[in-house]
């Protein structure tokens, strides 16, 4: 016995949402619980478009006397690269 399933997403014309489909050529098999399942593709896109952030900073470096030192404070950051 062999059962081949084809699954995927297709875009609906009326609202541009994606719906899940499953089909097979095997006679008498249907998938009623999956029919009508809708996926909002925006759920998978990053909604966080913010590039600016503010928060605590802890850093180490060289101070004005050319000695190692720590800096604790609040910083503002702009994200050039995001991944």
Protein backbone atom coordinates (compact mmCIF):
# COMPACT_ATOMS: atom_id res chain seq x y z
CA UNK A 1 0.00 0.00 0.00
CA UNK A 2 1.34 3.39 -0.93
CA UNK A 3 -0.14 6.79 -0.08
CA UNK A 4 1.37 9.95 -1.53
CA UNK A 5 0.40 13.25 0.10
CA UNK A 6 0.91 16.72 -1.34
CA UNK A 7 0.79 19.55 1.20
CA UNK A 8 1.33 23.26 0.89
CA UNK A 9 -0.02 26.79 1.10
CA UNK A 10 -1.99 28.70 -1.50
CA UNK A 11 -3.06 32.32 -1.46
CA UNK A 12 -6.77 33.02 -1.41
CA UNK A 13 -8.01 35.63 -3.87
CA UNK A 14 -10.65 37.23 -1.63
CA UNK A 15 -8.42 38.30 1.26
CA UNK A 16 -4.82 37.40 0.30
CA UNK A 17 -4.47 35.05 3.30
CA UNK A 18 -2.85 31.68 2.80
CA UNK A 19 -4.73 28.45 3.30
CA UNK A 20 -3.32 25.01 3.94
CA UNK A 21 -4.09 22.25 1.49
CA UNK A 22 -3.52 18.50 1.47
CA UNK A 23 -4.36 16.27 -1.44
CA UNK A 24 -3.78 12.72 -2.57
CA UNK A 25 -4.67 10.64 -5.61
CA UNK A 26 -5.64 7.72 -3.38
CA UNK A 27 -9.39 7.06 -3.81
CA UNK A 28 -11.69 7.70 -0.88
CA UNK A 29 -9.20 9.66 1.26
CA UNK A 30 -10.07 13.19 2.40
CA UNK A 31 -8.80 15.59 5.03
CA UNK A 32 -11.85 17.49 6.33
CA UNK A 33 -10.16 18.90 9.45
CA UNK A 34 -7.51 20.70 7.41
CA UNK A 35 -9.84 22.24 4.84
CA UNK A 36 -10.34 25.90 5.60
CA UNK A 37 -7.27 26.24 7.83
CA UNK A 38 -5.93 29.75 7.26
CA UNK A 39 -2.42 31.04 7.90
CA UNK A 40 -1.74 34.75 8.31
CA UNK A 41 1.75 35.08 6.82
CA UNK A 42 2.31 38.28 8.85
CA UNK A 43 2.57 36.06 11.93
CA UNK A 44 5.97 34.92 10.68
CA UNK A 45 7.34 38.33 9.75
CA UNK A 46 9.24 40.38 12.26
CA UNK A 47 7.04 43.18 13.51
CA UNK A 48 9.89 44.80 15.39
CA UNK A 49 11.07 47.51 13.00
CA UNK A 50 12.70 49.55 15.74
CA UNK A 51 16.33 50.42 15.18
CA UNK A 52 16.78 52.68 18.21
CA UNK A 53 16.98 51.33 21.74
CA UNK A 54 17.88 52.63 25.16
CA UNK A 55 19.09 50.60 28.10
CA UNK A 56 21.78 49.80 30.62
CA UNK A 57 25.44 49.67 29.55
CA UNK A 58 28.36 47.87 31.15
CA UNK A 59 31.64 48.22 29.30
CA UNK A 60 35.37 48.00 29.84
CA UNK A 61 38.02 50.13 28.24
CA UNK A 62 40.84 52.58 28.77
CA UNK A 63 40.13 55.84 30.61
CA UNK A 64 41.73 59.25 30.13
CA UNK A 65 44.75 58.22 32.25
CA UNK A 66 45.35 55.27 29.90
CA UNK A 67 44.44 52.83 32.66
CA UNK A 68 41.88 50.03 32.38
CA UNK A 69 38.49 51.01 33.70
CA UNK A 70 34.81 50.09 33.80
CA UNK A 71 31.87 52.16 32.69
CA UNK A 72 28.34 51.62 34.00
CA UNK A 73 25.51 53.77 32.76
CA UNK A 74 22.63 54.21 30.36
CA UNK A 75 23.19 54.16 26.62
CA UNK A 76 21.36 54.82 23.37
CA UNK A 77 21.95 52.45 20.46
CA UNK A 78 21.11 52.49 16.75
CA UNK A 79 21.14 49.05 15.09
CA UNK A 80 22.83 49.21 11.70
CA UNK A 81 22.80 45.44 11.13
CA UNK A 82 20.00 43.16 12.28
CA UNK A 83 19.86 39.39 11.99
